[in-house]
Amino acid sequence: MVVRRRRICSMLFTRFLLVMDLMLKPSMLSWCRKDPEAAIVWFWKAINAGDKVDSALKDMAVVMKQLDRAEEAIEAVKSFRGRCSKQAQESLDNVLIDLYKKCGKVEEQIEMIKRKLRSIYQGEAFNGKPTKTARSHGKKFQVSVKQETSRLLGNLGWAYMQKTNFIAAEVVYKKAQMVDPDANKACNLAICLIKQARYDEAHSTLLDVTQGRVPGSGDAKARSRAEKLLMEVSSREGPDELMDLMGFNLDDDFVKGLEKLMDEWGPSRSKRLPIFEEISSF
């Protein structure tokens, strides 16, 4: 009888904590905005006490990033992610990608993104499920494997652009557009083509946006960006200076893995884009 009462009390207390947690989240967010330094101290205490380490570590890293303490946040995530659940590892990877981007650590960012893409085409992402629940600004929404793949490819393309590897970025953006096209990535692809003095291709890519043939073309910012790039293309007369592309590499296994995944999503087509043959000598 006593054991049964204890179990009931434990269940009731757990439910109470869950309710309190839901009630406190809005006030916690408000507190983080008003006194982020104090919030970081609180997060550290929670992590060291083993109290909701998953959320405490992620939230602390986000607050640190906002305070320009991204380097410290990277070390914290690397040091304490071992205390987090298996389910939290994917979101911690995403946090690290954002932190690497903030710090300008492009090589680390590229390696992390490629690792996440490998986990997708090996069937390890989302715990083998086709979708996962994500959060943004306090709202929940469903993300598909296709959407996640396209998002990661977009991030990878942007990282290659920061290294001025515009051929690599072009390859990646074209893959992203095959998976889940959007106007913003189309504009980035056009920039890669412009940097290679391939103005006709860039012009055609941008027209797809301005004429509404790409998802997201209705967005005013995307359309305005495409129009400005079209003006830049029309003003170009001579070729750009040749870029130093030495050291460029997209490893073949990585490319094959992505193509295998895409073959499962769509109708059969050419196994390799011509661009992969072009880069094989680099």
C-alpha atoms as a PDB file:
ATOM      1  CA  MET A   1       0.000   0.000   0.000  1.00  0.00           C
ATOM      2  CA  VAL A   2       2.808   2.372   0.953  1.00  0.00           C
ATOM      3  CA  VAL A   3       4.707   1.567  -2.247  1.00  0.00           C
ATOM      4  CA  ARG A   4       1.559   2.220  -4.300  1.00  0.00           C
ATOM      5  CA  ARG A   5       1.073   5.600  -2.626  1.00  0.00           C
ATOM      6  CA  ARG A   6       4.662   6.552  -3.328  1.00  0.00           C
ATOM      7  CA  ARG A   7       4.227   5.666  -6.992  1.00  0.00           C
ATOM      8  CA  ILE A   8       1.075   7.761  -7.214  1.00  0.00           C
ATOM      9  CA  CYS A   9       2.811  10.687  -5.486  1.00  0.00           C
ATOM     10  CA  SER A  10       5.759  10.352  -7.861  1.00  0.00           C
ATOM     11  CA  MET A  11       3.451  10.384 -10.900  1.00  0.00           C
ATOM     12  CA  LEU A  12       1.571  13.421  -9.616  1.00  0.00           C
ATOM     13  CA  PHE A  13       4.837  15.260  -8.891  1.00  0.00           C
ATOM     14  CA  THR A  14       6.120  14.492 -12.383  1.00  0.00           C
ATOM     15  CA  ARG A  15       2.928  15.861 -13.918  1.00  0.00           C
ATOM     16  CA  PHE A  16       3.244  18.954 -11.724  1.00  0.00           C
ATOM     17  CA  LEU A  17       6.795  19.540 -12.975  1.00  0.00           C
ATOM     18  CA  LEU A  18       5.671  19.202 -16.599  1.00  0.00           C
ATOM     19  CA  VAL A  19       2.885  21.729 -16.075  1.00  0.00           C
ATOM     20  CA  MET A  20       5.241  24.123 -14.289  1.00  0.00           C
ATOM     21  CA  ASP A  21       7.778  23.736 -17.064  1.00  0.00           C
ATOM     22  CA  LEU A  22       5.181  24.752 -19.670  1.00  0.00           C
ATOM     23  CA  MET A  23       4.120  27.697 -17.525  1.00  0.00           C
ATOM     24  CA  LEU A  24       7.666  28.882 -16.892  1.00  0.00           C
ATOM     25  CA  LYS A  25       8.941  28.710 -20.490  1.00  0.00           C
ATOM     26  CA  PRO A  26       7.496  32.100 -21.553  1.00  0.00           C
ATOM     27  CA  SER A  27       8.863  33.784 -18.437  1.00  0.00           C
ATOM     28  CA  MET A  28      12.218  32.036 -18.917  1.00  0.00           C
ATOM     29  CA  LEU A  29      12.449  33.397 -22.466  1.00  0.00           C
ATOM     30  CA  SER A  30      11.623  36.863 -21.179  1.00  0.00           C
ATOM     31  CA  TRP A  31      14.261  36.516 -18.462  1.00  0.00           C
ATOM     32  CA  CYS A  32      16.899  35.423 -21.007  1.00  0.00           C
ATOM     33  CA  ARG A  33      16.196  38.549 -23.039  1.00  0.00           C
ATOM     34  CA  LYS A  34      16.348  40.872 -20.017  1.00  0.00           C
ATOM     35  CA  ASP A  35      19.391  39.364 -18.264  1.00  0.00           C
ATOM     36  CA  PRO A  36      21.201  36.892 -20.570  1.00  0.00           C
ATOM     37  CA  GLU A  37      24.344  36.784 -18.404  1.00  0.00           C
ATOM     38  CA  ALA A  38      22.304  35.648 -15.388  1.00  0.00           C
ATOM     39  CA  ALA A  39      20.517  33.129 -17.625  1.00  0.00           C
ATOM     40  CA  ILE A  40      23.868  31.606 -18.626  1.00  0.00           C
ATOM     41  CA  VAL A  41      24.776  31.152 -14.943  1.00  0.00           C
ATOM     42  CA  TRP A  42      21.434  29.413 -14.406  1.00  0.00           C
ATOM     43  CA  PHE A  43      21.992  27.161 -17.427  1.00  0.00           C
ATOM     44  CA  TRP A  44      25.456  26.181 -16.134  1.00  0.00           C
ATOM     45  CA  LYS A  45      23.958  25.221 -12.766  1.00  0.00           C
ATOM     46  CA  ALA A  46      21.303  23.099 -14.483  1.00  0.00           C
ATOM     47  CA  ILE A  47      23.930  21.332 -16.636  1.00  0.00           C
ATOM     48  CA  ASN A  48      26.219  20.613 -13.687  1.00  0.00           C
ATOM     49  CA  ALA A  49      23.257  19.343 -11.668  1.00  0.00           C
ATOM     50  CA  GLY A  50      22.145  17.104 -14.543  1.00  0.00           C
ATOM     51  CA  ASP A  51      18.790  18.923 -14.707  1.00  0.00           C
ATOM     52  CA  LYS A  52      17.267  18.910 -18.222  1.00  0.00           C
ATOM     53  CA  VAL A  53      20.718  19.032 -19.775  1.00  0.00           C
ATOM     54  CA  ASP A  54      19.367  18.709 -23.361  1.00  0.00           C
ATOM     55  CA  SER A  55      17.457  21.983 -23.295  1.00  0.00           C
ATOM     56  CA  ALA A  56      19.825  23.779 -20.901  1.00  0.00           C
ATOM     57  CA  LEU A  57      22.878  23.191 -23.124  1.00  0.00           C
ATOM     58  CA  LYS A  58      21.096  24.180 -26.357  1.00  0.00           C
ATOM     59  CA  ASP A  59      19.493  27.277 -24.826  1.00  0.00           C
ATOM     60  CA  MET A  60      22.763  28.355 -23.224  1.00  0.00           C
ATOM     61  CA  ALA A  61      24.605  28.048 -26.539  1.00  0.00           C
ATOM     62  CA  VAL A  62      21.961  30.202 -28.256  1.00  0.00           C
ATOM     63  CA  VAL A  63      22.214  32.890 -25.564  1.00  0.00           C
ATOM     64  CA  MET A  64      26.031  32.816 -25.731  1.00  0.00           C
ATOM     65  CA  LYS A  65      25.868  33.270 -29.505  1.00  0.00           C
ATOM     66  CA  GLN A  66      23.695  36.353 -29.040  1.00  0.00           C
ATOM     67  CA  LEU A  67      26.320  37.740 -26.628  1.00  0.00           C
ATOM     68  CA  ASP A  68      29.148  37.143 -29.141  1.00  0.00           C
ATOM     69  CA  ARG A  69      30.509  34.303 -27.022  1.00  0.00           C
ATOM     70  CA  ALA A  70      30.247  31.753 -29.814  1.00  0.00           C
ATOM     71  CA  GLU A  71      33.727  30.289 -29.233  1.00  0.00           C
ATOM     72  CA  GLU A  72      32.827  29.576 -25.605  1.00  0.00           C
ATOM     73  CA  ALA A  73      29.511  28.082 -26.711  1.00  0.00           C
ATOM     74  CA  ILE A  74      31.296  25.709 -29.120  1.00  0.00           C
ATOM     75  CA  GLU A  75      33.534  24.406 -26.345  1.00  0.00           C
ATOM     76  CA  ALA A  76      30.538  24.002 -24.016  1.00  0.00           C
ATOM     77  CA  VAL A  77      28.553  21.982 -26.561  1.00  0.00           C
ATOM     78  CA  LYS A  78      31.545  19.784 -27.408  1.00  0.00           C
ATOM     79  CA  SER A  79      32.348  19.184 -23.732  1.00  0.00           C
ATOM     80  CA  PHE A  80      28.854  18.436 -22.440  1.00  0.00           C
ATOM     81  CA  ARG A  81      26.934  16.917 -25.354  1.00  0.00           C
ATOM     82  CA  GLY A  82      27.928  13.512 -23.994  1.00  0.00           C
ATOM     83  CA  ARG A  83      25.521  14.136 -21.111  1.00  0.00           C
ATOM     84  CA  CYS A  84      22.635  14.737 -23.518  1.00  0.00           C
ATOM     85  CA  SER A  85      20.210  12.161 -24.874  1.00  0.00           C
ATOM     86  CA  LYS A  86      20.611  10.497 -28.257  1.00  0.00           C
ATOM     87  CA  GLN A  87      17.543  12.386 -29.495  1.00  0.00           C
ATOM     88  CA  ALA A  88      19.238  15.719 -28.767  1.00  0.00           C
ATOM     89  CA  GLN A  89      22.368  15.065 -30.842  1.00  0.00           C
ATOM     90  CA  GLU A  90      20.897  16.149 -34.200  1.00  0.00           C
ATOM     91  CA  SER A  91      19.747  19.501 -32.839  1.00  0.00           C
ATOM     92  CA  LEU A  92      23.118  19.993 -31.122  1.00  0.00           C
ATOM     93  CA  ASP A  93      24.789  19.441 -34.504  1.00  0.00           C
ATOM     94  CA  ASN A  94      22.586  22.216 -35.916  1.00  0.00           C
ATOM     95  CA  VAL A  95      23.592  24.484 -33.029  1.00  0.00           C
ATOM     96  CA  LEU A  96      27.268  23.801 -33.769  1.00  0.00           C
ATOM     97  CA  ILE A  97      26.785  24.571 -37.466  1.00  0.00           C
ATOM     98  CA  ASP A  98      25.313  27.977 -36.559  1.00  0.00           C
ATOM     99  CA  LEU A  99      28.127  28.640 -34.093  1.00  0.00           C
ATOM    100  CA  TYR A 100      30.823  27.716 -36.628  1.00  0.00           C
ATOM    101  CA  LYS A 101      29.162  30.075 -39.110  1.00  0.00           C
ATOM    102  CA  LYS A 102      29.126  32.851 -36.483  1.00  0.00           C
ATOM    103  CA  CYS A 103      32.855  32.349 -35.771  1.00  0.00           C
ATOM    104  CA  GLY A 104      33.839  32.094 -39.421  1.00  0.00           C
ATOM    105  CA  LYS A 105      35.066  28.511 -38.949  1.00  0.00           C
ATOM    106  CA  VAL A 106      34.154  27.467 -42.467  1.00  0.00           C
ATOM    107  CA  GLU A 107      36.127  24.203 -42.584  1.00  0.00           C
ATOM    108  CA  GLU A 108      34.481  22.949 -39.375  1.00  0.00           C
ATOM    109  CA  GLN A 109      31.096  24.048 -40.692  1.00  0.00           C
ATOM    110  CA  ILE A 110      31.607  22.147 -43.958  1.00  0.00           C
ATOM    111  CA  GLU A 111      32.735  18.996 -42.174  1.00  0.00           C
ATOM    112  CA  MET A 112      29.740  19.052 -39.812  1.00  0.00           C
ATOM    113  CA  ILE A 113      27.249  19.608 -42.653  1.00  0.00           C
ATOM    114  CA  LYS A 114      28.750  16.796 -44.726  1.00  0.00           C
ATOM    115  CA  ARG A 115      28.587  14.497 -41.708  1.00  0.00           C
ATOM    116  CA  LYS A 116      24.894  15.287 -41.254  1.00  0.00           C
ATOM    117  CA  LEU A 117      24.211  14.711 -44.948  1.00  0.00           C
ATOM    118  CA  ARG A 118      25.962  11.332 -44.740  1.00  0.00           C
ATOM    119  CA  SER A 119      23.736  10.364 -41.814  1.00  0.00           C
ATOM    120  CA  ILE A 120      20.696  11.193 -43.963  1.00  0.00           C
ATOM    121  CA  TYR A 121      21.653   9.102 -46.988  1.00  0.00           C
ATOM    122  CA  GLN A 122      22.728   6.270 -44.673  1.00  0.00           C
ATOM    123  CA  GLY A 123      19.233   6.298 -43.137  1.00  0.00           C
ATOM    124  CA  GLU A 124      20.401   7.349 -39.667  1.00  0.00           C
ATOM    125  CA  ALA A 125      18.760  10.800 -39.511  1.00  0.00           C
ATOM    126  CA  PHE A 126      15.403  11.423 -37.802  1.00  0.00           C
ATOM    127  CA  ASN A 127      15.810   7.996 -36.135  1.00  0.00           C
ATOM    128  CA  GLY A 128      14.851   6.445 -39.475  1.00  0.00           C
ATOM    129  CA  LYS A 129      11.570   8.393 -39.716  1.00  0.00           C
ATOM    130  CA  PRO A 130      10.544  10.459 -42.789  1.00  0.00           C
ATOM    131  CA  THR A 131       9.784  13.573 -40.705  1.00  0.00           C
ATOM    132  CA  LYS A 132      10.674  15.147 -37.384  1.00  0.00           C
ATOM    133  CA  THR A 133       9.123  17.823 -35.178  1.00  0.00           C
ATOM    134  CA  ALA A 134      11.123  21.055 -35.059  1.00  0.00           C
ATOM    135  CA  ARG A 135      10.701  24.288 -33.132  1.00  0.00           C
ATOM    136  CA  SER A 136      11.143  27.878 -34.230  1.00  0.00           C
ATOM    137  CA  HIS A 137      10.172  30.937 -32.193  1.00  0.00           C
ATOM    138  CA  GLY A 138       8.174  28.758 -29.831  1.00  0.00           C
ATOM    139  CA  LYS A 139       6.148  27.078 -32.598  1.00  0.00           C
ATOM    140  CA  LYS A 140       6.252  23.410 -33.583  1.00  0.00           C
ATOM    141  CA  PHE A 141       6.259  22.244 -37.200  1.00  0.00           C
ATOM    142  CA  GLN A 142       7.083  19.127 -39.202  1.00  0.00           C
ATOM    143  CA  VAL A 143      10.279  18.895 -41.259  1.00  0.00           C
ATOM    144  CA  SER A 144      10.712  16.199 -43.912  1.00  0.00           C
ATOM    145  CA  VAL A 145      13.978  14.485 -44.812  1.00  0.00           C
ATOM    146  CA  LYS A 146      13.827  16.215 -48.221  1.00  0.00           C
ATOM    147  CA  GLN A 147      13.483  19.643 -46.614  1.00  0.00           C
ATOM    148  CA  GLU A 148      16.330  18.950 -44.191  1.00  0.00           C
ATOM    149  CA  THR A 149      18.559  17.704 -47.020  1.00  0.00           C
ATOM    150  CA  SER A 150      17.874  20.821 -49.100  1.00  0.00           C
ATOM    151  CA  ARG A 151      18.487  23.087 -46.087  1.00  0.00           C
ATOM    152  CA  LEU A 152      21.827  21.421 -45.342  1.00  0.00           C
ATOM    153  CA  LEU A 153      22.875  21.549 -48.994  1.00  0.00           C
ATOM    154  CA  GLY A 154      22.029  25.268 -49.018  1.00  0.00           C
ATOM    155  CA  ASN A 155      24.220  25.788 -45.949  1.00  0.00           C
ATOM    156  CA  LEU A 156      27.009  23.764 -47.547  1.00  0.00           C
ATOM    157  CA  GLY A 157      26.803  25.799 -50.748  1.00  0.00           C
ATOM    158  CA  TRP A 158      26.984  29.033 -48.757  1.00  0.00           C
ATOM    159  CA  ALA A 159      30.042  27.763 -46.862  1.00  0.00           C
ATOM    160  CA  TYR A 160      31.804  26.956 -50.156  1.00  0.00           C
ATOM    161  CA  MET A 161      30.958  30.452 -51.378  1.00  0.00           C
ATOM    162  CA  GLN A 162      32.730  31.902 -48.335  1.00  0.00           C
ATOM    163  CA  LYS A 163      35.828  29.967 -49.425  1.00  0.00           C
ATOM    164  CA  THR A 164      35.344  31.334 -52.992  1.00  0.00           C
ATOM    165  CA  ASN A 165      35.010  27.730 -54.228  1.00  0.00           C
ATOM    166  CA  PHE A 166      32.262  28.686 -56.648  1.00  0.00           C
ATOM    167  CA  ILE A 167      32.395  25.468 -58.667  1.00  0.00           C
ATOM    168  CA  ALA A 168      31.844  23.439 -55.480  1.00  0.00           C
ATOM    169  CA  ALA A 169      29.048  25.793 -54.428  1.00  0.00           C
ATOM    170  CA  GLU A 170      27.428  25.476 -57.870  1.00  0.00           C
ATOM    171  CA  VAL A 171      27.426  21.672 -57.637  1.00  0.00           C
ATOM    172  CA  VAL A 172      25.847  21.740 -54.200  1.00  0.00           C
ATOM    173  CA  TYR A 173      23.214  24.371 -55.036  1.00  0.00           C
ATOM    174  CA  LYS A 174      22.164  22.437 -58.136  1.00  0.00           C
ATOM    175  CA  LYS A 175      21.682  19.348 -55.962  1.00  0.00           C
ATOM    176  CA  ALA A 176      19.678  21.396 -53.455  1.00  0.00           C
ATOM    177  CA  GLN A 177      17.418  22.713 -56.218  1.00  0.00           C
ATOM    178  CA  MET A 178      16.760  19.171 -57.428  1.00  0.00           C
ATOM    179  CA  VAL A 179      15.664  18.122 -53.940  1.00  0.00           C
ATOM    180  CA  ASP A 180      13.554  21.108 -52.828  1.00  0.00           C
ATOM    181  CA  PRO A 181      13.935  24.230 -55.023  1.00  0.00           C
ATOM    182  CA  ASP A 182      13.497  27.763 -53.718  1.00  0.00           C
ATOM    183  CA  ALA A 183      14.170  31.296 -54.935  1.00  0.00           C
ATOM    184  CA  ASN A 184      16.908  32.154 -52.422  1.00  0.00           C
ATOM    185  CA  LYS A 185      19.079  29.187 -53.397  1.00  0.00           C
ATOM    186  CA  ALA A 186      18.437  29.998 -57.060  1.00  0.00           C
ATOM    187  CA  CYS A 187      19.904  33.466 -56.486  1.00  0.00           C
ATOM    188  CA  ASN A 188      22.946  31.977 -54.754  1.00  0.00           C
ATOM    189  CA  LEU A 189      23.404  29.571 -57.664  1.00  0.00           C
ATOM    190  CA  ALA A 190      23.271  32.540 -60.044  1.00  0.00           C
ATOM    191  CA  ILE A 191      26.047  34.259 -58.053  1.00  0.00           C
ATOM    192  CA  CYS A 192      28.220  31.153 -58.433  1.00  0.00           C
ATOM    193  CA  LEU A 193      27.641  31.236 -62.187  1.00  0.00           C
ATOM    194  CA  ILE A 194      28.373  34.976 -62.370  1.00  0.00           C
ATOM    195  CA  LYS A 195      31.673  34.429 -60.545  1.00  0.00           C
ATOM    196  CA  GLN A 196      32.587  31.921 -63.261  1.00  0.00           C
ATOM    197  CA  ALA A 197      31.610  34.409 -66.014  1.00  0.00           C
ATOM    198  CA  ARG A 198      28.785  32.116 -67.148  1.00  0.00           C
ATOM    199  CA  TYR A 199      26.367  34.980 -67.599  1.00  0.00           C
ATOM    200  CA  ASP A 200      23.851  33.299 -69.920  1.00  0.00           C
ATOM    201  CA  GLU A 201      23.264  30.496 -67.387  1.00  0.00           C
ATOM    202  CA  ALA A 202      23.023  33.013 -64.551  1.00  0.00           C
ATOM    203  CA  HIS A 203      20.524  35.076 -66.556  1.00  0.00           C
ATOM    204  CA  SER A 204      18.341  32.019 -67.192  1.00  0.00           C
ATOM    205  CA  THR A 205      18.465  30.998 -63.516  1.00  0.00           C
ATOM    206  CA  LEU A 206      17.434  34.477 -62.366  1.00  0.00           C
ATOM    207  CA  LEU A 207      14.596  34.679 -64.900  1.00  0.00           C
ATOM    208  CA  ASP A 208      13.120  31.575 -63.269  1.00  0.00           C
ATOM    209  CA  VAL A 209      12.801  33.643 -60.084  1.00  0.00           C
ATOM    210  CA  THR A 210      11.528  36.904 -61.582  1.00  0.00           C
ATOM    211  CA  GLN A 211       8.993  35.043 -63.708  1.00  0.00           C
ATOM    212  CA  GLY A 212       7.725  32.999 -60.782  1.00  0.00           C
ATOM    213  CA  ARG A 213       8.864  29.560 -61.926  1.00  0.00           C
ATOM    214  CA  VAL A 214      10.662  28.732 -58.646  1.00  0.00           C
ATOM    215  CA  PRO A 215       8.939  28.188 -55.258  1.00  0.00           C
ATOM    216  CA  GLY A 216       9.356  31.270 -53.097  1.00  0.00           C
ATOM    217  CA  SER A 217       9.501  33.626 -56.076  1.00  0.00           C
ATOM    218  CA  GLY A 218       6.549  35.526 -54.660  1.00  0.00           C
ATOM    219  CA  ASP A 219       8.670  36.741 -51.743  1.00  0.00           C
ATOM    220  CA  ALA A 220       9.418  40.432 -52.279  1.00  0.00           C
ATOM    221  CA  LYS A 221      13.003  40.200 -50.974  1.00  0.00           C
ATOM    222  CA  ALA A 222      13.857  37.212 -53.181  1.00  0.00           C
ATOM    223  CA  ARG A 223      12.380  38.876 -56.265  1.00  0.00           C
ATOM    224  CA  SER A 224      14.178  42.147 -55.541  1.00  0.00           C
ATOM    225  CA  ARG A 225      17.463  40.282 -55.074  1.00  0.00           C
ATOM    226  CA  ALA A 226      17.009  38.446 -58.371  1.00  0.00           C
ATOM    227  CA  GLU A 227      16.243  41.713 -60.195  1.00  0.00           C
ATOM    228  CA  LYS A 228      19.409  43.344 -58.823  1.00  0.00           C
ATOM    229  CA  LEU A 229      21.484  40.348 -59.892  1.00  0.00           C
ATOM    230  CA  LEU A 230      19.928  40.503 -63.366  1.00  0.00           C
ATOM    231  CA  MET A 231      21.059  44.120 -63.628  1.00  0.00           C
ATOM    232  CA  GLU A 232      24.552  43.054 -62.596  1.00  0.00           C
ATOM    233  CA  VAL A 233      24.584  40.311 -65.246  1.00  0.00           C
ATOM    234  CA  SER A 234      23.499  42.724 -67.983  1.00  0.00           C
ATOM    235  CA  SER A 235      26.231  45.181 -67.003  1.00  0.00           C
ATOM    236  CA  ARG A 236      29.012  42.614 -67.293  1.00  0.00           C
ATOM    237  CA  GLU A 237      31.123  42.814 -70.424  1.00  0.00           C
ATOM    238  CA  GLY A 238      34.326  40.845 -69.964  1.00  0.00           C
ATOM    239  CA  PRO A 239      35.084  37.588 -68.115  1.00  0.00           C
ATOM    240  CA  ASP A 240      36.006  37.562 -64.437  1.00  0.00           C
ATOM    241  CA  GLU A 241      39.548  36.942 -63.357  1.00  0.00           C
ATOM    242  CA  LEU A 242      40.360  33.254 -63.192  1.00  0.00           C
ATOM    243  CA  MET A 243      39.862  31.823 -59.717  1.00  0.00           C
ATOM    244  CA  ASP A 244      42.335  29.646 -57.880  1.00  0.00           C
ATOM    245  CA  LEU A 245      40.434  26.366 -57.656  1.00  0.00           C
ATOM    246  CA  MET A 246      43.297  24.220 -56.445  1.00  0.00           C
ATOM    247  CA  GLY A 247      42.393  22.126 -53.443  1.00  0.00           C
ATOM    248  CA  PHE A 248      38.748  21.882 -54.419  1.00  0.00           C
ATOM    249  CA  ASN A 249      37.287  18.500 -53.623  1.00  0.00           C
ATOM    250  CA  LEU A 250      33.906  16.855 -53.088  1.00  0.00           C
ATOM    251  CA  ASP A 251      34.791  13.286 -52.199  1.00  0.00           C
ATOM    252  CA  ASP A 252      33.265  10.736 -54.562  1.00  0.00           C
ATOM    253  CA  ASP A 253      31.613   8.615 -51.856  1.00  0.00           C
ATOM    254  CA  PHE A 254      29.839  11.695 -50.531  1.00  0.00           C
ATOM    255  CA  VAL A 255      28.519  12.567 -54.008  1.00  0.00           C
ATOM    256  CA  LYS A 256      27.427   8.990 -54.701  1.00  0.00           C
ATOM    257  CA  GLY A 257      25.574   8.851 -51.395  1.00  0.00           C
ATOM    258  CA  LEU A 258      23.587  11.988 -52.201  1.00  0.00           C
ATOM    259  CA  GLU A 259      22.767  10.748 -55.700  1.00  0.00           C
ATOM    260  CA  LYS A 260      21.571   7.403 -54.340  1.00  0.00           C
ATOM    261  CA  LEU A 261      19.256   9.219 -51.937  1.00  0.00           C
ATOM    262  CA  MET A 262      17.882  11.445 -54.707  1.00  0.00           C
ATOM    263  CA  ASP A 263      17.306   8.451 -56.986  1.00  0.00           C
ATOM    264  CA  GLU A 264      15.023   7.016 -54.303  1.00  0.00           C
ATOM    265  CA  TRP A 265      12.980  10.258 -54.268  1.00  0.00           C
ATOM    266  CA  GLY A 266      12.538  10.846 -57.975  1.00  0.00           C
ATOM    267  CA  PRO A 267      12.358   9.196 -61.404  1.00  0.00           C
ATOM    268  CA  SER A 268      15.452   7.635 -62.887  1.00  0.00           C
ATOM    269  CA  ARG A 269      17.821  10.034 -64.596  1.00  0.00           C
ATOM    270  CA  SER A 270      21.479  10.387 -65.473  1.00  0.00           C
ATOM    271  CA  LYS A 271      23.522   9.001 -62.607  1.00  0.00           C
ATOM    272  CA  ARG A 272      26.044  11.827 -62.627  1.00  0.00           C
ATOM    273  CA  LEU A 273      25.881  15.468 -63.534  1.00  0.00           C
ATOM    274  CA  PRO A 274      28.537  16.550 -66.060  1.00  0.00           C
ATOM    275  CA  ILE A 275      29.974  18.823 -63.403  1.00  0.00           C
ATOM    276  CA  PHE A 276      31.159  15.797 -61.382  1.00  0.00           C
ATOM    277  CA  GLU A 277      33.238  14.637 -64.313  1.00  0.00           C
ATOM    278  CA  GLU A 278      34.689  18.143 -64.568  1.00  0.00           C
ATOM    279  CA  ILE A 279      35.816  18.285 -60.932  1.00  0.00           C
ATOM    280  CA  SER A 280      37.241  14.759 -60.750  1.00  0.00           C
ATOM    281  CA  SER A 281      40.693  16.029 -61.753  1.00  0.00           C
ATOM    282  CA  PHE A 282      40.937  18.523 -58.892  1.00  0.00           C
END
